[in-house]
Amino acid sequence: MLSENVELTMLDGSQRSTADFAGQLVMVVNVASRCGLTPQYEALEQLQKKYQDRGFTVLGVPSGSFKQELKDEGAIGEYCSTTWGVTFPMTAKTDVNGRKRHELYKQLVKAKDSKGMAGPVMWNFEKFLVTPKGEILRFRPTTKPDAPEVIEAIEANLPR
């Protein structure tokens, strides 16, 4: 279960909290601009557009944990909007593993994937689907955002 009071610094420097997403279905994804999986941005944006009116949002979390993200938030934001047309909310650059792991990820990594494995984020584009009830479904990086099992989980948990 995900706590509703985790503070988030957004890409534009504003402050939000996981409470801002209460009652929604949220796909939290650690993203990177210089990764072989970066084309997943396209499918993430398509999911955002398809389901946003039904209480779904993608929350992108740029991460330098795997040394494949641009250096600053301005460059990340420009790259994502101009290259991939990203409209979903994104946090500031965040550690998803290690001693400086963000509180959000301290909670997310406790979730088990379809094989029953929890633990550290394996790579960029690991997906955590947080249901309106706070339950967490985990999909590993190579599982595409529009894979049948992901779409099934989204459609089963949409709040409206």
N, C-alpha and C. Protein backbone atom coordinates (compact mmCIF):
# COMPACT_ATOMS: atom_id res chain seq x y z
N MET A 1 0.84 -1.19 0.00
CA MET A 1 0.00 0.00 0.00
C MET A 1 0.89 1.25 0.00
N LEU A 2 0.44 2.25 -0.70
CA LEU A 2 1.18 3.50 -0.79
C LEU A 2 0.58 4.54 0.15
N SER A 3 1.43 5.19 0.89
CA SER A 3 1.02 6.27 1.79
C SER A 3 0.57 7.47 0.97
N GLU A 4 -0.41 8.20 1.47
CA GLU A 4 -0.93 9.35 0.72
C GLU A 4 -0.22 10.66 1.01
N ASN A 5 0.84 10.65 1.79
CA ASN A 5 1.45 11.91 2.17
C ASN A 5 2.93 12.02 1.81
N VAL A 6 3.33 11.42 0.71
CA VAL A 6 4.71 11.52 0.27
C VAL A 6 4.87 12.80 -0.54
N GLU A 7 5.82 13.63 -0.14
CA GLU A 7 6.07 14.89 -0.83
C GLU A 7 6.83 14.66 -2.14
N LEU A 8 6.45 15.41 -3.16
CA LEU A 8 7.07 15.30 -4.48
C LEU A 8 7.48 16.69 -4.97
N THR A 9 8.69 16.80 -5.45
CA THR A 9 9.12 18.03 -6.13
C THR A 9 8.96 17.74 -7.62
N MET A 10 8.22 18.61 -8.28
CA MET A 10 7.93 18.40 -9.69
C MET A 10 9.03 18.99 -10.56
N LEU A 11 9.01 18.64 -11.83
CA LEU A 11 10.03 19.06 -12.78
C LEU A 11 10.16 20.58 -12.84
N ASP A 12 9.04 21.28 -12.65
CA ASP A 12 9.07 22.75 -12.70
C ASP A 12 9.42 23.39 -11.35
N GLY A 13 9.75 22.56 -10.35
CA GLY A 13 10.13 23.06 -9.03
C GLY A 13 8.97 23.18 -8.05
N SER A 14 7.74 23.03 -8.52
CA SER A 14 6.59 23.13 -7.63
C SER A 14 6.52 21.90 -6.72
N GLN A 15 5.78 22.03 -5.64
CA GLN A 15 5.63 20.94 -4.68
C GLN A 15 4.26 20.31 -4.82
N ARG A 16 4.23 19.00 -4.78
CA ARG A 16 2.98 18.24 -4.78
C ARG A 16 3.15 17.11 -3.77
N SER A 17 2.13 16.32 -3.64
CA SER A 17 2.14 15.20 -2.72
C SER A 17 1.40 14.05 -3.38
N THR A 18 1.67 12.84 -2.92
CA THR A 18 0.90 11.72 -3.44
C THR A 18 -0.58 11.89 -3.12
N ALA A 19 -0.91 12.69 -2.11
CA ALA A 19 -2.31 12.97 -1.78
C ALA A 19 -3.03 13.65 -2.95
N ASP A 20 -2.29 14.38 -3.78
CA ASP A 20 -2.89 15.05 -4.95
C ASP A 20 -3.43 14.05 -5.95
N PHE A 21 -3.00 12.80 -5.86
CA PHE A 21 -3.42 11.76 -6.79
C PHE A 21 -4.41 10.78 -6.15
N ALA A 22 -4.88 11.10 -4.94
CA ALA A 22 -5.81 10.21 -4.24
C ALA A 22 -7.05 9.96 -5.09
N GLY A 23 -7.48 8.72 -5.12
CA GLY A 23 -8.67 8.35 -5.89
C GLY A 23 -8.41 8.12 -7.36
N GLN A 24 -7.18 8.31 -7.79
CA GLN A 24 -6.82 8.09 -9.19
C GLN A 24 -6.04 6.78 -9.34
N LEU A 25 -5.94 6.33 -10.56
CA LEU A 25 -5.07 5.23 -10.92
C LEU A 25 -3.81 5.87 -11.49
N VAL A 26 -2.68 5.62 -10.86
CA VAL A 26 -1.44 6.30 -11.24
C VAL A 26 -0.38 5.27 -11.63
N MET A 27 0.22 5.48 -12.80
CA MET A 27 1.34 4.65 -13.22
C MET A 27 2.62 5.45 -12.98
N VAL A 28 3.38 5.05 -11.96
CA VAL A 28 4.64 5.71 -11.63
C VAL A 28 5.73 4.99 -12.41
N VAL A 29 6.50 5.76 -13.18
CA VAL A 29 7.53 5.17 -14.04
C VAL A 29 8.83 5.96 -13.89
N ASN A 30 9.92 5.27 -13.53
CA ASN A 30 11.22 5.94 -13.52
C ASN A 30 11.72 5.99 -14.96
N VAL A 31 11.90 7.19 -15.44
CA VAL A 31 12.21 7.42 -16.85
C VAL A 31 13.64 7.93 -17.01
N ALA A 32 14.15 7.83 -18.24
CA ALA A 32 15.49 8.33 -18.56
C ALA A 32 15.53 8.71 -20.03
N SER A 33 16.24 9.77 -20.32
CA SER A 33 16.29 10.32 -21.68
C SER A 33 17.30 9.62 -22.58
N ARG A 34 18.24 8.91 -22.02
CA ARG A 34 19.32 8.31 -22.81
C ARG A 34 19.41 6.81 -22.59
N CYS A 35 18.28 6.14 -22.69
CA CYS A 35 18.19 4.71 -22.42
C CYS A 35 17.62 4.01 -23.64
N GLY A 36 17.97 2.77 -23.85
CA GLY A 36 17.41 2.00 -24.96
C GLY A 36 15.90 1.84 -24.85
N LEU A 37 15.34 2.00 -23.66
CA LEU A 37 13.90 1.88 -23.45
C LEU A 37 13.17 3.22 -23.55
N THR A 38 13.91 4.30 -23.82
CA THR A 38 13.31 5.64 -23.88
C THR A 38 12.12 5.73 -24.85
N PRO A 39 12.08 4.99 -25.95
CA PRO A 39 10.90 5.04 -26.81
C PRO A 39 9.59 4.66 -26.11
N GLN A 40 9.67 4.09 -24.91
CA GLN A 40 8.45 3.80 -24.16
C GLN A 40 7.68 5.08 -23.81
N TYR A 41 8.35 6.22 -23.87
CA TYR A 41 7.65 7.50 -23.65
C TYR A 41 6.43 7.61 -24.57
N GLU A 42 6.57 7.15 -25.80
CA GLU A 42 5.48 7.25 -26.77
C GLU A 42 4.23 6.51 -26.28
N ALA A 43 4.40 5.27 -25.83
CA ALA A 43 3.27 4.49 -25.34
C ALA A 43 2.73 5.06 -24.03
N LEU A 44 3.61 5.57 -23.17
CA LEU A 44 3.15 6.19 -21.92
C LEU A 44 2.26 7.39 -22.22
N GLU A 45 2.67 8.21 -23.17
CA GLU A 45 1.85 9.37 -23.54
C GLU A 45 0.52 8.94 -24.16
N GLN A 46 0.53 7.88 -24.95
CA GLN A 46 -0.73 7.38 -25.52
C GLN A 46 -1.68 6.90 -24.43
N LEU A 47 -1.14 6.22 -23.41
CA LEU A 47 -1.97 5.79 -22.28
C LEU A 47 -2.54 7.01 -21.55
N GLN A 48 -1.71 8.01 -21.36
CA GLN A 48 -2.16 9.23 -20.69
C GLN A 48 -3.35 9.83 -21.43
N LYS A 49 -3.22 9.98 -22.72
CA LYS A 49 -4.29 10.59 -23.52
C LYS A 49 -5.55 9.71 -23.55
N LYS A 50 -5.36 8.40 -23.63
CA LYS A 50 -6.51 7.50 -23.74
C LYS A 50 -7.32 7.42 -22.45
N TYR A 51 -6.64 7.43 -21.30
CA TYR A 51 -7.33 7.15 -20.04
C TYR A 51 -7.42 8.32 -19.07
N GLN A 52 -6.84 9.47 -19.38
CA GLN A 52 -6.82 10.57 -18.41
C GLN A 52 -8.21 11.03 -17.99
N ASP A 53 -9.19 10.97 -18.87
CA ASP A 53 -10.54 11.39 -18.53
C ASP A 53 -11.27 10.37 -17.66
N ARG A 54 -10.62 9.23 -17.43
CA ARG A 54 -11.24 8.17 -16.61
C ARG A 54 -10.51 8.00 -15.27
N GLY A 55 -9.74 9.02 -14.87
CA GLY A 55 -9.08 8.99 -13.57
C GLY A 55 -7.72 8.33 -13.55
N PHE A 56 -7.03 8.33 -14.68
CA PHE A 56 -5.70 7.72 -14.80
C PHE A 56 -4.67 8.79 -15.11
N THR A 57 -3.49 8.65 -14.55
CA THR A 57 -2.39 9.50 -14.95
C THR A 57 -1.08 8.73 -14.87
N VAL A 58 -0.17 9.10 -15.75
CA VAL A 58 1.21 8.62 -15.68
C VAL A 58 1.95 9.67 -14.85
N LEU A 59 2.80 9.22 -13.96
CA LEU A 59 3.69 10.11 -13.22
C LEU A 59 5.11 9.70 -13.57
N GLY A 60 5.78 10.52 -14.38
CA GLY A 60 7.15 10.24 -14.78
C GLY A 60 8.13 10.69 -13.70
N VAL A 61 9.10 9.85 -13.41
CA VAL A 61 10.10 10.14 -12.39
C VAL A 61 11.48 10.03 -13.03
N PRO A 62 12.00 11.14 -13.57
CA PRO A 62 13.34 11.10 -14.14
C PRO A 62 14.34 10.65 -13.07
N SER A 63 15.18 9.70 -13.43
CA SER A 63 16.10 9.15 -12.46
C SER A 63 17.51 9.08 -13.02
N GLY A 64 18.46 9.49 -12.21
CA GLY A 64 19.86 9.36 -12.57
C GLY A 64 20.48 8.11 -11.98
N SER A 65 19.67 7.27 -11.36
CA SER A 65 20.20 6.08 -10.69
C SER A 65 20.97 5.16 -11.63
N PHE A 66 20.65 5.20 -12.92
CA PHE A 66 21.33 4.33 -13.87
C PHE A 66 22.20 5.13 -14.84
N LYS A 67 22.44 6.40 -14.49
CA LYS A 67 23.36 7.28 -15.23
C LYS A 67 22.96 7.48 -16.69
N GLN A 68 21.63 7.52 -16.96
CA GLN A 68 21.16 7.70 -18.33
C GLN A 68 20.18 8.86 -18.47
N GLU A 69 20.18 9.75 -17.49
CA GLU A 69 19.28 10.90 -17.54
C GLU A 69 20.10 12.17 -17.74
N LEU A 70 19.48 13.15 -18.38
CA LEU A 70 20.12 14.45 -18.58
C LEU A 70 20.42 15.09 -17.23
N LYS A 71 21.30 16.08 -17.23
CA LYS A 71 21.80 16.63 -15.97
C LYS A 71 20.80 17.48 -15.20
N ASP A 72 19.94 18.24 -15.89
CA ASP A 72 19.06 19.13 -15.13
C ASP A 72 17.61 19.08 -15.61
N GLU A 73 16.72 19.56 -14.75
CA GLU A 73 15.29 19.49 -15.00
C GLU A 73 14.87 20.23 -16.27
N GLY A 74 15.50 21.38 -16.55
CA GLY A 74 15.16 22.13 -17.75
C GLY A 74 15.41 21.32 -19.02
N ALA A 75 16.56 20.68 -19.08
CA ALA A 75 16.91 19.86 -20.24
C ALA A 75 15.99 18.64 -20.35
N ILE A 76 15.67 18.04 -19.21
CA ILE A 76 14.77 16.88 -19.20
C ILE A 76 13.40 17.28 -19.73
N GLY A 77 12.86 18.38 -19.20
CA GLY A 77 11.53 18.84 -19.62
C GLY A 77 11.47 19.17 -21.10
N GLU A 78 12.50 19.87 -21.59
CA GLU A 78 12.53 20.24 -23.01
C GLU A 78 12.62 18.99 -23.89
N TYR A 79 13.49 18.06 -23.52
CA TYR A 79 13.64 16.84 -24.30
C TYR A 79 12.32 16.06 -24.35
N CYS A 80 11.69 15.88 -23.21
CA CYS A 80 10.46 15.07 -23.15
C CYS A 80 9.31 15.71 -23.92
N SER A 81 9.18 17.01 -23.82
CA SER A 81 8.07 17.67 -24.52
C SER A 81 8.32 17.78 -26.02
N THR A 82 9.54 18.12 -26.42
CA THR A 82 9.79 18.31 -27.85
C THR A 82 10.00 16.99 -28.60
N THR A 83 10.62 16.01 -27.96
CA THR A 83 10.89 14.74 -28.63
C THR A 83 9.71 13.78 -28.57
N TRP A 84 9.04 13.72 -27.43
CA TRP A 84 7.99 12.72 -27.21
C TRP A 84 6.61 13.31 -27.00
N GLY A 85 6.49 14.62 -26.91
CA GLY A 85 5.19 15.25 -26.72
C GLY A 85 4.58 14.94 -25.36
N VAL A 86 5.41 14.75 -24.35
CA VAL A 86 4.93 14.36 -23.03
C VAL A 86 4.08 15.46 -22.41
N THR A 87 2.89 15.08 -21.95
CA THR A 87 1.99 16.00 -21.25
C THR A 87 1.73 15.56 -19.81
N PHE A 88 2.10 14.34 -19.46
CA PHE A 88 1.84 13.86 -18.10
C PHE A 88 2.80 14.51 -17.11
N PRO A 89 2.40 14.57 -15.83
CA PRO A 89 3.26 15.20 -14.83
C PRO A 89 4.55 14.43 -14.62
N MET A 90 5.61 15.19 -14.32
CA MET A 90 6.91 14.58 -14.05
C MET A 90 7.53 15.24 -12.83
N THR A 91 8.21 14.42 -12.05
CA THR A 91 8.92 14.94 -10.88
C THR A 91 10.28 15.48 -11.30
N ALA A 92 10.93 16.13 -10.35
CA ALA A 92 12.33 16.50 -10.53
C ALA A 92 13.14 15.21 -10.55
N LYS A 93 14.38 15.30 -10.98
CA LYS A 93 15.28 14.14 -11.02
C LYS A 93 15.37 13.54 -9.61
N THR A 94 15.20 12.23 -9.54
CA THR A 94 15.00 11.54 -8.26
C THR A 94 15.80 10.25 -8.21
N ASP A 95 16.33 9.94 -7.03
CA ASP A 95 17.00 8.65 -6.82
C ASP A 95 15.95 7.58 -6.54
N VAL A 96 15.99 6.48 -7.30
CA VAL A 96 15.03 5.40 -7.09
C VAL A 96 15.67 4.19 -6.41
N ASN A 97 16.98 4.20 -6.28
CA ASN A 97 17.72 3.13 -5.61
C ASN A 97 18.79 3.75 -4.72
N GLY A 98 19.38 2.93 -3.88
CA GLY A 98 20.52 3.36 -3.09
C GLY A 98 20.15 4.08 -1.80
N ARG A 99 21.17 4.59 -1.13
CA ARG A 99 20.99 5.24 0.17
C ARG A 99 20.11 6.48 0.09
N LYS A 100 20.11 7.16 -1.05
CA LYS A 100 19.32 8.40 -1.20
C LYS A 100 17.97 8.14 -1.87
N ARG A 101 17.54 6.90 -1.90
CA ARG A 101 16.26 6.54 -2.52
C ARG A 101 15.14 7.42 -1.96
N HIS A 102 14.35 7.97 -2.85
CA HIS A 102 13.22 8.83 -2.47
C HIS A 102 12.18 8.02 -1.70
N GLU A 103 11.49 8.67 -0.78
CA GLU A 103 10.47 8.01 0.04
C GLU A 103 9.42 7.29 -0.81
N LEU A 104 9.04 7.88 -1.93
CA LEU A 104 8.07 7.23 -2.82
C LEU A 104 8.57 5.85 -3.23
N TYR A 105 9.83 5.78 -3.62
CA TYR A 105 10.39 4.50 -4.07
C TYR A 105 10.70 3.55 -2.92
N LYS A 106 10.93 4.08 -1.73
CA LYS A 106 11.09 3.20 -0.56
C LYS A 106 9.82 2.36 -0.38
N GLN A 107 8.67 2.96 -0.69
CA GLN A 107 7.41 2.25 -0.58
C GLN A 107 7.15 1.37 -1.81
N LEU A 108 7.40 1.91 -3.00
CA LEU A 108 7.09 1.17 -4.23
C LEU A 108 7.87 -0.13 -4.35
N VAL A 109 9.15 -0.12 -3.98
CA VAL A 109 9.98 -1.31 -4.20
C VAL A 109 9.59 -2.49 -3.30
N LYS A 110 8.69 -2.27 -2.36
CA LYS A 110 8.18 -3.37 -1.54
C LYS A 110 7.18 -4.22 -2.31
N ALA A 111 6.64 -3.66 -3.40
CA ALA A 111 5.65 -4.37 -4.22
C ALA A 111 6.34 -5.49 -4.99
N LYS A 112 5.62 -6.59 -5.16
CA LYS A 112 6.14 -7.73 -5.90
C LYS A 112 5.64 -7.71 -7.33
N ASP A 113 6.47 -8.19 -8.25
CA ASP A 113 6.08 -8.31 -9.65
C ASP A 113 5.29 -9.60 -9.85
N SER A 114 5.00 -9.94 -11.09
CA SER A 114 4.19 -11.13 -11.39
C SER A 114 4.88 -12.44 -10.99
N LYS A 115 6.20 -12.39 -10.78
CA LYS A 115 6.94 -13.59 -10.37
C LYS A 115 7.17 -13.62 -8.85
N GLY A 116 6.56 -12.66 -8.14
CA GLY A 116 6.69 -12.63 -6.69
C GLY A 116 7.96 -11.97 -6.18
N MET A 117 8.65 -11.23 -7.06
CA MET A 117 9.91 -10.59 -6.70
C MET A 117 9.70 -9.12 -6.36
N ALA A 118 10.17 -8.70 -5.19
CA ALA A 118 10.19 -7.30 -4.79
C ALA A 118 11.64 -6.83 -4.86
N GLY A 119 11.94 -5.69 -4.30
CA GLY A 119 13.32 -5.24 -4.23
C GLY A 119 13.61 -4.07 -5.13
N PRO A 120 14.89 -3.73 -5.28
CA PRO A 120 15.30 -2.54 -6.01
C PRO A 120 14.75 -2.48 -7.43
N VAL A 121 14.66 -1.26 -7.93
CA VAL A 121 14.29 -1.04 -9.32
C VAL A 121 15.39 -1.64 -10.17
N MET A 122 15.00 -2.43 -11.18
CA MET A 122 15.99 -3.15 -11.99
C MET A 122 16.65 -2.27 -13.05
N TRP A 123 15.89 -1.31 -13.60
CA TRP A 123 16.39 -0.49 -14.69
C TRP A 123 15.40 0.64 -14.93
N ASN A 124 15.70 1.49 -15.87
CA ASN A 124 14.78 2.56 -16.25
C ASN A 124 13.49 1.97 -16.81
N PHE A 125 12.42 2.71 -16.65
CA PHE A 125 11.09 2.37 -17.17
C PHE A 125 10.44 1.18 -16.46
N GLU A 126 10.77 1.01 -15.17
CA GLU A 126 10.01 0.07 -14.35
C GLU A 126 8.69 0.78 -13.99
N LYS A 127 7.60 0.04 -14.08
CA LYS A 127 6.28 0.64 -13.92
C LYS A 127 5.59 0.12 -12.66
N PHE A 128 5.03 1.05 -11.88
CA PHE A 128 4.27 0.73 -10.69
C PHE A 128 2.88 1.32 -10.88
N LEU A 129 1.88 0.48 -10.94
CA LEU A 129 0.51 0.93 -11.11
C LEU A 129 -0.12 0.98 -9.72
N VAL A 130 -0.40 2.20 -9.26
CA VAL A 130 -0.96 2.41 -7.93
C VAL A 130 -2.47 2.61 -8.09
N THR A 131 -3.24 1.69 -7.52
CA THR A 131 -4.69 1.73 -7.68
C THR A 131 -5.29 2.81 -6.78
N PRO A 132 -6.54 3.19 -7.04
CA PRO A 132 -7.20 4.17 -6.19
C PRO A 132 -7.26 3.75 -4.71
N LYS A 133 -7.16 2.46 -4.44
CA LYS A 133 -7.15 1.96 -3.06
C LYS A 133 -5.75 1.92 -2.46
N GLY A 134 -4.73 2.30 -3.25
CA GLY A 134 -3.36 2.32 -2.77
C GLY A 134 -2.60 1.03 -2.97
N GLU A 135 -3.22 0.05 -3.62
CA GLU A 135 -2.52 -1.20 -3.93
C GLU A 135 -1.55 -0.96 -5.07
N ILE A 136 -0.47 -1.73 -5.12
CA ILE A 136 0.58 -1.51 -6.12
C ILE A 136 0.79 -2.76 -6.96
N LEU A 137 0.70 -2.59 -8.27
CA LEU A 137 1.01 -3.65 -9.24
C LEU A 137 2.32 -3.25 -9.91
N ARG A 138 3.23 -4.20 -10.05
CA ARG A 138 4.57 -3.89 -10.55
C ARG A 138 4.84 -4.58 -11.88
N PHE A 139 5.38 -3.80 -12.82
CA PHE A 139 5.74 -4.32 -14.14
C PHE A 139 7.19 -3.94 -14.41
N ARG A 140 8.00 -4.91 -14.77
CA ARG A 140 9.43 -4.69 -14.98
C ARG A 140 9.69 -3.86 -16.24
N PRO A 141 10.90 -3.31 -16.37
CA PRO A 141 11.22 -2.37 -17.44
C PRO A 141 10.93 -2.85 -18.86
N THR A 142 11.20 -4.10 -19.15
CA THR A 142 11.01 -4.57 -20.53
C THR A 142 9.55 -4.84 -20.87
N THR A 143 8.67 -4.80 -19.87
CA THR A 143 7.23 -4.91 -20.15
C THR A 143 6.78 -3.57 -20.69
N LYS A 144 6.32 -3.55 -21.91
CA LYS A 144 5.93 -2.29 -22.54
C LYS A 144 4.68 -1.72 -21.87
N PRO A 145 4.57 -0.39 -21.84
CA PRO A 145 3.41 0.24 -21.20
C PRO A 145 2.07 -0.19 -21.78
N ASP A 146 2.07 -0.59 -23.05
CA ASP A 146 0.82 -1.00 -23.69
C ASP A 146 0.72 -2.52 -23.87
N ALA A 147 1.51 -3.27 -23.09
CA ALA A 147 1.43 -4.73 -23.12
C ALA A 147 0.04 -5.16 -22.64
N PRO A 148 -0.47 -6.27 -23.15
CA PRO A 148 -1.82 -6.72 -22.77
C PRO A 148 -2.05 -6.80 -21.27
N GLU A 149 -1.06 -7.29 -20.52
CA GLU A 149 -1.25 -7.41 -19.07
C GLU A 149 -1.32 -6.05 -18.37
N VAL A 150 -0.63 -5.06 -18.92
CA VAL A 150 -0.68 -3.71 -18.35
C VAL A 150 -2.03 -3.07 -18.66
N ILE A 151 -2.46 -3.18 -19.91
CA ILE A 151 -3.77 -2.63 -20.30
C ILE A 151 -4.89 -3.27 -19.49
N GLU A 152 -4.81 -4.58 -19.30
CA GLU A 152 -5.81 -5.28 -18.51
C GLU A 152 -5.85 -4.74 -17.08
N ALA A 153 -4.68 -4.54 -16.49
CA ALA A 153 -4.61 -4.01 -15.12
C ALA A 153 -5.14 -2.57 -15.05
N ILE A 154 -4.83 -1.76 -16.05
CA ILE A 154 -5.34 -0.39 -16.08
C ILE A 154 -6.87 -0.42 -16.16
N GLU A 155 -7.40 -1.15 -17.12
CA GLU A 155 -8.85 -1.14 -17.32
C GLU A 155 -9.60 -1.74 -16.13
N ALA A 156 -8.99 -2.67 -15.43
CA ALA A 156 -9.63 -3.28 -14.26
C ALA A 156 -9.66 -2.36 -13.05
N ASN A 157 -8.80 -1.33 -13.07
CA ASN A 157 -8.66 -0.48 -11.88
C ASN A 157 -9.02 0.99 -12.10
N LEU A 158 -9.52 1.33 -13.28
CA LEU A 158 -9.91 2.72 -13.53
C LEU A 158 -11.02 3.14 -12.57
N PRO A 159 -10.90 4.32 -11.97
CA PRO A 159 -11.92 4.74 -11.01
C PRO A 159 -13.25 5.18 -11.66
N ARG A 160 -13.23 5.49 -12.94
CA ARG A 160 -14.49 5.89 -13.61
C ARG A 160 -14.44 5.54 -15.08
